[in-house]
Amino acid sequence: MSPSVIEFRSVTKRYPDGTTAVDDFTYTIPARTTTVLVGSSGSGKTTVLRMINRMIDATEGQILIDGVDVANLDKVKLRRSIGYVLQAAGLLPHRKVIDNVATVPVLNGVPKAKARADALDLLDKVGLDRALAERYPRQLSGGQQQRVGVARALASDPNILLMDEPFGAVDPIVRADLQAELRRLQRELGKTIVFVTHDIDEAFALADQVVIFRKGGVIAQAGSPADILASPADDFVASFVGADSGKRRFRLENRGGHDILVDSSGRAAGVLVEADES
């Protein structure tokens, strides 16, 4: 399958009570990139993500995948063609890990034996021991459950992977581990990933491009992490990314013969190395 481009054209989501969650949103998500939607609670970022697979339907405008309006597609087929990872993994508690991963392929008509064999390969891919295949979700740690969630989302080999704050419920060490795993998978698989978070550090760690939302699904700024840090669009963006507080400003100091990156408070933040050492 060819990589997928997602295009939003003047998309609005208005609820029956009159609340506008997203207002006239226009944006194109390139293929084979990780695009992170970031903003405070209620900014519309999750609504934007869920309109891609029609968990939520737009009130106005169009969402196109490779030029095809999703409003014209069967909801069930659309959702089975797109990987979806939730914060709490969303695993079926009464099914073993291997059967959780094999769920969508089996629904799509893949013979159960093949789907289960492919599921074992996917456990390898996401860094899980195959011995976990016969366990139930309750027997796994939070981080392991999230890896199973990613494996399940990849099981039908989708072009698009939607991730709704998937690492928000695990501790910081596991979270950093999962972020590194996602970067590795993206280098290997080249999916079109749309990732939602409220954490700007997570956004910058994962994204090829970041979309920062104001309330109502309005784009405050979009671009690469480097571009946003170098030139925040306004005071709101500068405050949101921490540029105005100085926490992202570093200087070089030589300490003990080594070049050290020091933050605005004088605390060591890292060691400067040559490019081929990174």
Protein backbone atom coordinates (compact mmCIF):
# COMPACT_ATOMS: atom_id res chain seq x y z
CA MET A 1 0.00 0.00 0.00
CA SER A 2 1.14 3.52 -0.72
CA PRO A 3 1.63 5.91 2.21
CA SER A 4 -1.40 8.02 3.15
CA VAL A 5 -1.85 11.78 3.20
CA ILE A 6 -4.60 13.18 5.47
CA GLU A 7 -6.15 16.50 4.50
CA PHE A 8 -8.54 18.62 6.56
CA ARG A 9 -10.54 21.20 4.61
CA SER A 10 -12.40 23.80 6.69
CA VAL A 11 -13.48 21.19 9.24
CA THR A 12 -15.80 22.22 12.07
CA LYS A 13 -17.23 20.09 14.85
CA ARG A 14 -20.22 21.60 16.65
CA TYR A 15 -22.20 19.68 19.25
CA PRO A 16 -26.00 19.86 19.71
CA ASP A 17 -25.63 22.08 22.79
CA GLY A 18 -23.89 24.67 20.62
CA THR A 19 -20.33 23.97 21.81
CA THR A 20 -17.79 24.30 19.01
CA ALA A 21 -14.94 21.88 19.64
CA VAL A 22 -13.12 22.56 16.35
CA ASP A 23 -13.65 25.63 14.21
CA ASP A 24 -12.73 25.82 10.51
CA PHE A 25 -9.66 23.58 10.79
CA THR A 26 -7.57 23.31 7.63
CA TYR A 27 -4.35 21.32 7.62
CA THR A 28 -2.52 18.63 5.65
CA ILE A 29 -0.72 15.77 7.42
CA PRO A 30 2.03 14.43 5.12
CA ALA A 31 2.57 10.73 4.55
CA ARG A 32 5.22 8.79 6.46
CA THR A 33 5.58 11.45 9.15
CA THR A 34 4.80 11.69 12.84
CA THR A 35 2.53 14.67 13.37
CA VAL A 36 1.84 15.52 17.01
CA LEU A 37 -1.25 17.50 18.00
CA VAL A 38 -0.63 19.26 21.29
CA GLY A 39 -2.65 21.62 23.42
CA SER A 40 -4.33 21.99 26.78
CA SER A 41 -7.45 20.05 27.75
CA GLY A 42 -10.41 21.12 25.65
CA SER A 43 -8.34 22.53 22.81
CA GLY A 44 -9.89 20.18 20.25
CA LYS A 45 -6.84 18.03 19.50
CA THR A 46 -8.50 14.70 20.36
CA THR A 47 -11.61 15.68 18.41
CA VAL A 48 -9.43 16.32 15.35
CA LEU A 49 -7.80 12.91 15.72
CA ARG A 50 -11.09 11.05 16.19
CA MET A 51 -12.65 12.65 13.14
CA ILE A 52 -10.03 10.90 10.98
CA ASN A 53 -11.50 7.44 11.66
CA ARG A 54 -15.02 8.79 12.20
CA MET A 55 -15.22 8.01 15.88
CA ILE A 56 -16.59 11.56 15.69
CA ASP A 57 -18.19 12.93 12.53
CA ALA A 58 -17.43 16.45 11.36
CA THR A 59 -20.31 18.95 11.30
CA GLU A 60 -18.88 20.84 8.34
CA GLY A 61 -15.96 20.52 5.94
CA GLN A 62 -14.10 17.52 4.54
CA ILE A 63 -11.47 15.09 5.76
CA LEU A 64 -9.74 13.27 2.92
CA ILE A 65 -7.37 10.31 2.99
CA ASP A 66 -5.44 10.12 -0.26
CA GLY A 67 -8.09 12.32 -1.85
CA VAL A 68 -11.08 10.24 -0.68
CA ASP A 69 -13.62 11.90 1.65
CA VAL A 70 -13.95 9.73 4.76
CA ALA A 71 -17.64 10.71 4.97
CA ASN A 72 -18.20 8.50 1.91
CA LEU A 73 -16.53 5.45 3.46
CA ASP A 74 -18.10 2.71 5.55
CA LYS A 75 -17.28 3.48 9.19
CA VAL A 76 -16.44 -0.10 10.18
CA LYS A 77 -14.15 -0.70 7.19
CA LEU A 78 -12.50 2.69 7.74
CA ARG A 79 -11.76 1.97 11.39
CA ARG A 80 -10.39 -1.48 10.65
CA SER A 81 -8.02 0.04 8.08
CA ILE A 82 -6.55 2.52 10.58
CA GLY A 83 -4.49 1.62 13.64
CA TYR A 84 -5.76 3.19 16.88
CA VAL A 85 -3.96 3.25 20.25
CA LEU A 86 -5.68 4.58 23.38
CA GLN A 87 -4.22 5.82 26.66
CA ALA A 88 -5.39 2.76 28.59
CA ALA A 89 -4.47 0.37 25.72
CA GLY A 90 -8.14 -0.66 25.40
CA LEU A 91 -7.32 -4.35 25.44
CA LEU A 92 -10.07 -6.95 25.73
CA PRO A 93 -9.62 -8.28 29.29
CA HIS A 94 -11.09 -11.73 28.59
CA ARG A 95 -8.75 -12.45 25.67
CA LYS A 96 -5.12 -13.49 25.80
CA VAL A 97 -2.46 -11.14 24.48
CA ILE A 98 -2.04 -13.09 21.25
CA ASP A 99 -5.77 -12.95 20.52
CA ASN A 100 -5.95 -9.24 21.35
CA VAL A 101 -3.27 -8.58 18.73
CA ALA A 102 -4.96 -10.86 16.19
CA THR A 103 -8.43 -9.30 16.63
CA VAL A 104 -8.66 -7.06 13.54
CA PRO A 105 -7.00 -9.46 11.06
CA VAL A 106 -9.45 -12.20 12.13
CA LEU A 107 -12.37 -9.78 11.70
CA ASN A 108 -11.00 -8.98 8.24
CA GLY A 109 -11.06 -12.65 7.28
CA VAL A 110 -7.47 -13.75 7.96
CA PRO A 111 -7.43 -17.40 9.15
CA LYS A 112 -7.00 -17.52 12.92
CA ALA A 113 -3.81 -19.61 12.80
CA LYS A 114 -2.10 -17.14 10.46
CA ALA A 115 -3.33 -14.15 12.45
CA ARG A 116 -1.91 -15.66 15.65
CA ALA A 117 1.42 -16.45 13.97
CA ASP A 118 1.62 -12.88 12.67
CA ALA A 119 0.75 -11.64 16.16
CA LEU A 120 3.85 -13.36 17.57
CA ASP A 121 5.99 -11.55 14.99
CA LEU A 122 4.40 -8.27 16.06
CA LEU A 123 5.25 -8.94 19.70
CA ASP A 124 8.88 -9.24 18.56
CA LYS A 125 8.54 -5.98 16.67
CA VAL A 126 7.30 -4.00 19.67
CA GLY A 127 9.90 -5.49 22.01
CA LEU A 128 7.79 -7.99 23.95
CA ASP A 129 8.79 -11.54 24.89
CA ARG A 130 6.69 -14.15 23.09
CA ALA A 131 6.16 -15.84 26.45
CA LEU A 132 3.65 -13.08 27.22
CA ALA A 133 1.41 -14.16 24.33
CA GLU A 134 -0.62 -16.56 26.50
CA ARG A 135 -1.16 -14.11 29.34
CA TYR A 136 -4.18 -11.91 29.92
CA PRO A 137 -3.91 -8.10 29.98
CA ARG A 138 -4.32 -7.98 33.77
CA GLN A 139 -1.12 -10.01 34.10
CA LEU A 140 0.95 -7.35 32.31
CA SER A 141 2.50 -4.11 33.50
CA GLY A 142 1.15 -0.81 32.16
CA GLY A 143 4.06 -0.45 29.78
CA GLN A 144 3.63 -3.99 28.49
CA GLN A 145 -0.08 -3.37 27.92
CA GLN A 146 0.71 -0.28 25.86
CA ARG A 147 3.15 -2.26 23.70
CA VAL A 148 0.42 -4.83 23.10
CA GLY A 149 -1.88 -1.96 22.16
CA VAL A 150 0.65 -0.77 19.58
CA ALA A 151 1.08 -4.32 18.24
CA ARG A 152 -2.69 -4.67 17.86
CA ALA A 153 -2.89 -1.34 16.05
CA LEU A 154 -0.22 -2.52 13.60
CA ALA A 155 -1.76 -5.96 13.05
CA SER A 156 -3.63 -5.09 9.85
CA ASP A 157 -0.56 -3.25 8.49
CA PRO A 158 -2.40 0.09 8.31
CA ASN A 159 -1.01 3.12 6.51
CA ILE A 160 -2.27 5.37 9.31
CA LEU A 161 -1.70 5.02 13.05
CA LEU A 162 -3.73 7.21 15.43
CA MET A 163 -2.39 7.51 18.97
CA ASP A 164 -4.51 9.29 21.61
CA GLU A 165 -2.26 10.12 24.59
CA PRO A 166 -1.07 6.50 24.57
CA PHE A 167 1.75 6.92 27.09
CA GLY A 168 0.02 9.24 29.54
CA ALA A 169 -0.82 6.60 32.15
CA VAL A 170 2.67 5.12 32.67
CA ASP A 171 5.54 6.34 34.80
CA PRO A 172 8.22 8.65 33.30
CA ILE A 173 10.88 5.96 32.81
CA VAL A 174 8.48 3.60 31.00
CA ARG A 175 7.14 6.56 29.03
CA ALA A 176 10.61 7.48 27.76
CA ASP A 177 11.13 3.81 26.84
CA LEU A 178 7.87 3.71 24.86
CA GLN A 179 8.73 6.97 23.09
CA ALA A 180 12.08 5.53 22.01
CA GLU A 181 10.31 2.37 20.80
CA LEU A 182 7.86 4.43 18.75
CA ARG A 183 10.70 6.36 17.11
CA ARG A 184 12.38 3.07 16.21
CA LEU A 185 9.18 1.63 14.78
CA GLN A 186 8.56 4.73 12.71
CA ARG A 187 12.06 4.57 11.22
CA GLU A 188 11.42 0.93 10.34
CA LEU A 189 7.81 1.10 9.14
CA GLY A 190 7.27 4.64 7.82
CA LYS A 191 3.61 5.01 8.85
CA THR A 192 1.54 8.19 8.83
CA ILE A 193 1.27 8.72 12.58
CA VAL A 194 -1.05 11.23 14.23
CA PHE A 195 -0.24 11.49 17.94
CA VAL A 196 -2.16 13.49 20.56
CA THR A 197 -0.58 14.71 23.79
CA HIS A 198 -0.82 17.62 26.23
CA ASP A 199 2.94 17.34 26.95
CA ILE A 200 5.08 19.61 24.79
CA ASP A 201 8.25 17.72 25.75
CA GLU A 202 6.71 14.49 24.43
CA ALA A 203 5.62 16.33 21.28
CA PHE A 204 9.12 17.60 20.60
CA ALA A 205 10.63 14.18 21.35
CA LEU A 206 8.46 12.38 18.78
CA ALA A 207 7.36 14.78 16.08
CA ASP A 208 8.46 15.53 12.57
CA GLN A 209 5.92 18.32 12.85
CA VAL A 210 3.96 19.74 15.77
CA VAL A 211 0.54 21.41 15.65
CA ILE A 212 -0.09 23.59 18.72
CA PHE A 213 -3.76 24.26 19.41
CA ARG A 214 -5.56 27.12 21.06
CA LYS A 215 -9.08 26.52 22.39
CA GLY A 216 -11.59 25.51 19.74
CA GLY A 217 -9.22 23.60 17.50
CA VAL A 218 -7.54 26.76 16.25
CA ILE A 219 -3.91 26.38 15.16
CA ALA A 220 -1.59 28.64 17.14
CA GLN A 221 1.47 27.42 15.23
CA ALA A 222 2.53 24.41 13.20
CA GLY A 223 6.00 23.37 12.12
CA SER A 224 9.01 21.31 13.09
CA PRO A 225 10.10 21.39 16.75
CA ALA A 226 13.23 23.30 15.72
CA ASP A 227 11.23 25.92 13.81
CA ILE A 228 8.78 26.44 16.67
CA LEU A 229 11.55 26.76 19.25
CA ALA A 230 13.53 29.12 17.04
CA SER A 231 10.57 31.37 16.17
CA PRO A 232 7.48 31.06 18.39
CA ALA A 233 4.54 32.64 16.57
CA ASP A 234 3.38 34.71 19.55
CA ASP A 235 3.42 34.98 23.34
CA PHE A 236 0.96 32.10 23.73
CA VAL A 237 3.24 29.71 21.83
CA ALA A 238 6.36 31.00 23.58
CA SER A 239 4.70 30.36 26.94
CA PHE A 240 3.34 26.96 25.91
CA VAL A 241 6.72 25.62 24.75
CA GLY A 242 8.58 27.24 27.63
CA ALA A 243 10.67 29.58 25.49
CA ASP A 244 9.70 32.64 27.52
CA SER A 245 10.72 31.07 30.84
CA GLY A 246 14.25 30.35 29.67
CA LYS A 247 13.98 26.63 30.39
CA ARG A 248 14.86 25.84 26.75
CA ARG A 249 17.75 28.28 26.56
CA PHE A 250 21.19 26.75 26.97
CA ARG A 251 24.76 27.96 26.91
CA LEU A 252 28.10 26.19 26.66
CA GLU A 253 30.46 26.06 29.60
CA ASN A 254 33.75 24.24 29.85
CA ARG A 255 33.88 22.18 33.03
CA GLY A 256 36.80 19.91 33.71
CA GLY A 257 37.87 20.02 30.08
CA HIS A 258 34.43 19.07 28.77
CA ASP A 259 31.88 21.24 26.95
CA ILE A 260 28.68 21.13 29.01
CA LEU A 261 25.25 22.46 28.04
CA VAL A 262 23.95 24.54 30.94
CA ASP A 263 20.37 25.79 31.33
CA SER A 264 19.29 29.27 32.36
CA SER A 265 19.51 28.28 36.05
CA GLY A 266 23.09 27.11 35.68
CA ARG A 267 22.23 23.43 35.91
CA ALA A 268 24.02 20.94 33.68
CA ALA A 269 21.65 19.72 30.94
CA GLY A 270 23.93 17.60 28.78
CA VAL A 271 27.33 17.04 27.23
CA LEU A 272 28.23 18.36 23.79
CA VAL A 273 29.49 15.58 21.48
CA GLU A 274 30.46 15.27 17.85
CA ALA A 275 27.67 14.42 15.43
CA ASP A 276 28.92 10.86 14.82
CA GLU A 277 28.85 10.15 18.57
CA SER A 278 25.12 10.77 18.94
